[in-house]
């Protein structure tokens, strides 16, 4: 799936390992991943670089 993610977009990250589905704010967008910070859930405030296969959708504003 081709995403149209831009800087400061909020995306929904799917559940993985022991972490539930959560929201993530994209700081930078690359060909293979986005970088930024989780804004909900147990990873709230934690920096990450989720690959596109972890993204369920762009969160509607």
C-alpha atoms as a PDB file:
ATOM      1  CA  UNK A   1       0.000   0.000   0.000  1.00  0.00           C
ATOM      2  CA  UNK A   2       1.284   3.457  -0.828  1.00  0.00           C
ATOM      3  CA  UNK A   3       0.969   5.905   2.050  1.00  0.00           C
ATOM      4  CA  UNK A   4       0.735   9.644   1.707  1.00  0.00           C
ATOM      5  CA  UNK A   5       2.299  10.388   5.093  1.00  0.00           C
ATOM      6  CA  UNK A   6       3.687  13.846   5.767  1.00  0.00           C
ATOM      7  CA  UNK A   7       5.688  15.302   8.639  1.00  0.00           C
ATOM      8  CA  UNK A   8       3.503  15.809  11.738  1.00  0.00           C
ATOM      9  CA  UNK A   9       0.870  13.334  10.547  1.00  0.00           C
ATOM     10  CA  UNK A  10      -0.461  10.953  13.159  1.00  0.00           C
ATOM     11  CA  UNK A  11      -0.596   7.292  12.165  1.00  0.00           C
ATOM     12  CA  UNK A  12      -2.024   4.203  13.810  1.00  0.00           C
ATOM     13  CA  UNK A  13       0.614   1.563  14.559  1.00  0.00           C
ATOM     14  CA  UNK A  14      -0.671  -2.016  14.668  1.00  0.00           C
ATOM     15  CA  UNK A  15      -0.201  -4.276  17.670  1.00  0.00           C
ATOM     16  CA  UNK A  16       3.210  -5.954  17.713  1.00  0.00           C
ATOM     17  CA  UNK A  17       5.149  -8.048  20.226  1.00  0.00           C
ATOM     18  CA  UNK A  18       3.699  -7.072  23.620  1.00  0.00           C
ATOM     19  CA  UNK A  19       2.652  -3.565  22.545  1.00  0.00           C
ATOM     20  CA  UNK A  20      -0.984  -2.710  21.765  1.00  0.00           C
ATOM     21  CA  UNK A  21      -2.185  -0.646  18.819  1.00  0.00           C
ATOM     22  CA  UNK A  22      -1.225   2.992  19.405  1.00  0.00           C
ATOM     23  CA  UNK A  23      -0.868   6.437  17.816  1.00  0.00           C
ATOM     24  CA  UNK A  24       2.449   7.746  16.522  1.00  0.00           C
ATOM     25  CA  UNK A  25       3.387  11.250  15.293  1.00  0.00           C
ATOM     26  CA  UNK A  26       5.694  11.202  12.248  1.00  0.00           C
ATOM     27  CA  UNK A  27       8.650  13.600  12.420  1.00  0.00           C
ATOM     28  CA  UNK A  28      10.398  12.514   9.231  1.00  0.00           C
ATOM     29  CA  UNK A  29       9.239  10.354   6.334  1.00  0.00           C
ATOM     30  CA  UNK A  30      11.589   8.022   4.436  1.00  0.00           C
ATOM     31  CA  UNK A  31      11.195   5.394   1.710  1.00  0.00           C
ATOM     32  CA  UNK A  32      11.168   2.479   4.167  1.00  0.00           C
ATOM     33  CA  UNK A  33       9.961   3.973   7.455  1.00  0.00           C
ATOM     34  CA  UNK A  34       8.896   7.039   9.385  1.00  0.00           C
ATOM     35  CA  UNK A  35      10.582   8.444  12.472  1.00  0.00           C
ATOM     36  CA  UNK A  36       8.938  10.130  15.402  1.00  0.00           C
ATOM     37  CA  UNK A  37       7.344   9.526  18.778  1.00  0.00           C
ATOM     38  CA  UNK A  38       4.512   7.419  20.136  1.00  0.00           C
ATOM     39  CA  UNK A  39       1.780   9.610  21.555  1.00  0.00           C
ATOM     40  CA  UNK A  40      -0.441   6.998  23.234  1.00  0.00           C
ATOM     41  CA  UNK A  41      -0.105   3.678  25.013  1.00  0.00           C
ATOM     42  CA  UNK A  42       2.793   2.209  26.953  1.00  0.00           C
ATOM     43  CA  UNK A  43       5.305   3.647  24.471  1.00  0.00           C
ATOM     44  CA  UNK A  44       3.996   7.219  24.933  1.00  0.00           C
ATOM     45  CA  UNK A  45       6.916   9.619  24.435  1.00  0.00           C
ATOM     46  CA  UNK A  46       9.275   6.948  23.087  1.00  0.00           C
ATOM     47  CA  UNK A  47      11.181   7.580  19.835  1.00  0.00           C
ATOM     48  CA  UNK A  48      10.724   5.005  17.083  1.00  0.00           C
ATOM     49  CA  UNK A  49      11.308   4.206  13.426  1.00  0.00           C
ATOM     50  CA  UNK A  50       8.378   1.990  12.452  1.00  0.00           C
ATOM     51  CA  UNK A  51       8.435   0.385   9.027  1.00  0.00           C
ATOM     52  CA  UNK A  52       5.410   0.894   6.804  1.00  0.00           C
ATOM     53  CA  UNK A  53       4.153  -2.654   7.434  1.00  0.00           C
ATOM     54  CA  UNK A  54       3.441  -1.622  11.058  1.00  0.00           C
ATOM     55  CA  UNK A  55       1.218   1.282   9.959  1.00  0.00           C
ATOM     56  CA  UNK A  56      -2.506   0.538   9.746  1.00  0.00           C
ATOM     57  CA  UNK A  57      -3.678   3.949   8.574  1.00  0.00           C
ATOM     58  CA  UNK A  58      -3.219   7.698   8.797  1.00  0.00           C
ATOM     59  CA  UNK A  59      -5.248   8.895  11.756  1.00  0.00           C
ATOM     60  CA  UNK A  60      -8.011  11.287  10.670  1.00  0.00           C
ATOM     61  CA  UNK A  61      -7.626  14.786  12.084  1.00  0.00           C
END
